[in-house]
């Protein structure tokens, strides 16, 4: 699935974001917004866009197996 989204290899940083997304989904029923993701995951916005190009919150949610965060187009 990650390869389909242009991500050749999932690194530890990718997995940190994915695990954060899953925890937030379990706690709140939806994935975190990009703003919450950058503020609470410890991964800066610029790095998120490098890890998940073209829409980090939506792509990370897809790879994490959760629904896209509210507010994502």
N, C-alpha and C. Protein backbone atom coordinates (compact mmCIF):
# COMPACT_ATOMS: atom_id res chain seq x y z
N UNK A 1 0.84 -1.19 0.00
CA UNK A 1 0.00 0.00 0.00
C UNK A 1 0.88 1.26 0.00
N UNK A 2 1.94 1.24 0.80
CA UNK A 2 2.83 2.40 0.85
C UNK A 2 3.48 2.63 -0.52
N UNK A 3 3.88 1.56 -1.19
CA UNK A 3 4.50 1.69 -2.51
C UNK A 3 3.54 2.33 -3.51
N UNK A 4 2.26 2.00 -3.40
CA UNK A 4 1.25 2.61 -4.28
C UNK A 4 1.18 4.12 -4.07
N UNK A 5 1.51 4.58 -2.87
CA UNK A 5 1.47 6.00 -2.54
C UNK A 5 2.82 6.68 -2.74
N UNK A 6 3.77 5.99 -3.37
CA UNK A 6 5.07 6.58 -3.67
C UNK A 6 6.08 6.49 -2.54
N UNK A 7 5.83 5.63 -1.56
CA UNK A 7 6.75 5.46 -0.44
C UNK A 7 7.41 4.10 -0.60
N UNK A 8 8.71 4.11 -0.92
CA UNK A 8 9.39 2.85 -1.24
C UNK A 8 9.66 1.99 -0.01
N UNK A 9 9.93 2.63 1.12
CA UNK A 9 10.27 1.88 2.33
C UNK A 9 9.71 2.61 3.55
N UNK A 10 9.10 1.86 4.46
CA UNK A 10 8.61 2.44 5.71
C UNK A 10 9.71 2.40 6.75
N UNK A 11 10.16 3.57 7.16
CA UNK A 11 11.24 3.69 8.14
C UNK A 11 10.64 3.77 9.56
N UNK A 12 11.52 3.87 10.53
CA UNK A 12 11.07 4.03 11.91
C UNK A 12 10.27 5.33 12.07
N UNK A 13 10.64 6.38 11.36
CA UNK A 13 9.91 7.66 11.43
C UNK A 13 8.51 7.51 10.84
N UNK A 14 8.40 6.77 9.74
CA UNK A 14 7.07 6.50 9.17
C UNK A 14 6.22 5.76 10.21
N UNK A 15 6.82 4.75 10.83
CA UNK A 15 6.08 3.93 11.78
C UNK A 15 5.68 4.74 13.02
N UNK A 16 6.49 5.70 13.43
CA UNK A 16 6.13 6.54 14.56
C UNK A 16 4.86 7.34 14.24
N UNK A 17 4.78 7.86 13.03
CA UNK A 17 3.60 8.61 12.61
C UNK A 17 2.39 7.68 12.52
N UNK A 18 2.57 6.52 11.92
CA UNK A 18 1.47 5.57 11.75
C UNK A 18 0.94 5.11 13.11
N UNK A 19 1.83 4.82 14.05
CA UNK A 19 1.40 4.40 15.39
C UNK A 19 0.67 5.52 16.11
N UNK A 20 1.14 6.76 15.95
CA UNK A 20 0.46 7.90 16.54
C UNK A 20 -0.94 8.03 15.95
N UNK A 21 -1.05 7.87 14.64
CA UNK A 21 -2.36 7.95 13.97
C UNK A 21 -3.32 6.90 14.54
N UNK A 22 -2.84 5.68 14.69
CA UNK A 22 -3.68 4.60 15.22
C UNK A 22 -4.14 4.87 16.65
N UNK A 23 -3.22 5.38 17.48
CA UNK A 23 -3.58 5.70 18.88
C UNK A 23 -4.65 6.77 18.94
N UNK A 24 -4.49 7.79 18.14
CA UNK A 24 -5.48 8.87 18.11
C UNK A 24 -6.83 8.36 17.61
N UNK A 25 -6.80 7.49 16.63
CA UNK A 25 -8.04 6.93 16.10
C UNK A 25 -8.76 6.11 17.17
N UNK A 26 -7.99 5.28 17.89
CA UNK A 26 -8.59 4.47 18.95
C UNK A 26 -9.18 5.34 20.06
N UNK A 27 -8.51 6.43 20.37
CA UNK A 27 -8.96 7.30 21.46
C UNK A 27 -10.13 8.20 21.05
N UNK A 28 -10.14 8.66 19.80
CA UNK A 28 -11.11 9.67 19.39
C UNK A 28 -12.05 9.28 18.26
N UNK A 29 -11.82 8.13 17.64
CA UNK A 29 -12.69 7.69 16.55
C UNK A 29 -12.37 8.32 15.21
N UNK A 30 -11.33 9.14 15.16
CA UNK A 30 -10.87 9.74 13.92
C UNK A 30 -9.37 10.01 14.04
N UNK A 31 -8.71 10.07 12.90
CA UNK A 31 -7.28 10.38 12.91
C UNK A 31 -7.06 11.85 13.22
N UNK A 32 -5.86 12.21 13.64
CA UNK A 32 -5.57 13.59 13.97
C UNK A 32 -5.43 14.46 12.73
N UNK A 33 -5.74 15.73 12.87
CA UNK A 33 -5.52 16.68 11.78
C UNK A 33 -4.02 16.87 11.60
N UNK A 34 -3.64 17.46 10.49
CA UNK A 34 -2.21 17.70 10.23
C UNK A 34 -1.61 18.57 11.32
N UNK A 35 -2.38 19.53 11.80
CA UNK A 35 -1.88 20.42 12.87
C UNK A 35 -1.60 19.63 14.15
N UNK A 36 -2.54 18.80 14.56
CA UNK A 36 -2.36 18.00 15.76
C UNK A 36 -1.23 16.99 15.56
N UNK A 37 -1.16 16.45 14.38
CA UNK A 37 -0.12 15.48 14.07
C UNK A 37 1.27 16.10 14.24
N UNK A 38 1.47 17.31 13.74
CA UNK A 38 2.78 17.95 13.87
C UNK A 38 3.08 18.38 15.30
N UNK A 39 2.06 18.83 16.01
CA UNK A 39 2.28 19.31 17.37
C UNK A 39 2.50 18.19 18.38
N UNK A 40 1.84 17.05 18.21
CA UNK A 40 1.88 16.02 19.23
C UNK A 40 2.70 14.78 18.88
N UNK A 41 3.00 14.57 17.62
CA UNK A 41 3.74 13.36 17.25
C UNK A 41 5.24 13.53 17.37
N UNK A 42 5.69 14.80 17.41
CA UNK A 42 7.12 15.04 17.47
C UNK A 42 7.79 15.06 16.11
N UNK A 43 6.99 14.99 15.04
CA UNK A 43 7.51 15.02 13.68
C UNK A 43 7.12 16.36 13.06
N UNK A 44 8.10 17.19 12.71
CA UNK A 44 7.78 18.51 12.15
C UNK A 44 7.05 18.43 10.81
N UNK A 45 6.33 19.48 10.47
CA UNK A 45 5.54 19.52 9.24
C UNK A 45 6.39 19.21 8.01
N UNK A 46 7.52 19.83 7.91
CA UNK A 46 8.38 19.63 6.74
C UNK A 46 8.75 18.15 6.58
N UNK A 47 9.08 17.51 7.68
CA UNK A 47 9.44 16.08 7.63
C UNK A 47 8.23 15.23 7.28
N UNK A 48 7.05 15.59 7.79
CA UNK A 48 5.83 14.83 7.44
C UNK A 48 5.61 14.82 5.93
N UNK A 49 5.80 15.99 5.31
CA UNK A 49 5.62 16.07 3.86
C UNK A 49 6.70 15.31 3.11
N UNK A 50 7.88 15.16 3.70
CA UNK A 50 8.92 14.34 3.08
C UNK A 50 8.60 12.86 3.23
N UNK A 51 8.08 12.49 4.40
CA UNK A 51 7.74 11.08 4.65
C UNK A 51 6.52 10.63 3.85
N UNK A 52 5.51 11.50 3.79
CA UNK A 52 4.24 11.19 3.13
C UNK A 52 3.92 12.30 2.13
N UNK A 53 4.61 12.33 0.98
CA UNK A 53 4.44 13.44 0.03
C UNK A 53 3.02 13.55 -0.51
N UNK A 54 2.58 14.80 -0.64
CA UNK A 54 1.29 15.06 -1.27
C UNK A 54 0.08 14.97 -0.37
N UNK A 55 0.24 14.84 0.90
CA UNK A 55 -0.89 14.78 1.82
C UNK A 55 -0.60 13.86 2.97
N UNK A 56 0.22 14.30 3.91
CA UNK A 56 0.68 13.41 4.97
C UNK A 56 -0.40 12.80 5.85
N UNK A 57 -1.38 13.58 6.27
CA UNK A 57 -2.40 13.04 7.18
C UNK A 57 -3.24 11.98 6.47
N UNK A 58 -3.63 12.25 5.25
CA UNK A 58 -4.47 11.32 4.49
C UNK A 58 -3.70 10.05 4.14
N UNK A 59 -2.46 10.20 3.68
CA UNK A 59 -1.66 9.03 3.32
C UNK A 59 -1.30 8.20 4.53
N UNK A 60 -0.91 8.85 5.61
CA UNK A 60 -0.56 8.12 6.83
C UNK A 60 -1.77 7.36 7.37
N UNK A 61 -2.94 7.98 7.30
CA UNK A 61 -4.17 7.31 7.76
C UNK A 61 -4.46 6.09 6.90
N UNK A 62 -4.31 6.23 5.61
CA UNK A 62 -4.56 5.10 4.71
C UNK A 62 -3.63 3.93 5.02
N UNK A 63 -2.35 4.23 5.17
CA UNK A 63 -1.37 3.18 5.47
C UNK A 63 -1.60 2.60 6.86
N UNK A 64 -2.07 3.43 7.79
CA UNK A 64 -2.36 2.96 9.15
C UNK A 64 -3.63 2.12 9.22
N UNK A 65 -4.41 2.17 8.15
CA UNK A 65 -5.63 1.36 8.12
C UNK A 65 -6.80 2.02 8.83
N UNK A 66 -6.78 3.35 8.91
CA UNK A 66 -7.88 4.06 9.55
C UNK A 66 -8.52 5.01 8.55
N UNK A 67 -9.68 5.55 8.92
CA UNK A 67 -10.33 6.49 8.03
C UNK A 67 -9.55 7.80 8.02
N UNK A 68 -9.70 8.55 6.93
CA UNK A 68 -8.97 9.83 6.85
C UNK A 68 -9.47 10.78 7.92
N UNK A 69 -8.59 11.64 8.40
CA UNK A 69 -8.98 12.59 9.44
C UNK A 69 -10.09 13.53 8.96
N UNK A 70 -10.90 13.99 9.88
CA UNK A 70 -11.93 14.96 9.53
C UNK A 70 -11.27 16.21 9.02
N UNK A 71 -11.83 16.80 7.99
CA UNK A 71 -11.26 18.00 7.41
C UNK A 71 -10.32 17.74 6.26
N UNK A 72 -9.92 16.49 6.05
CA UNK A 72 -9.06 16.15 4.90
C UNK A 72 -9.91 16.06 3.65
N UNK A 73 -9.40 16.61 2.58
CA UNK A 73 -10.14 16.57 1.31
C UNK A 73 -9.76 15.32 0.55
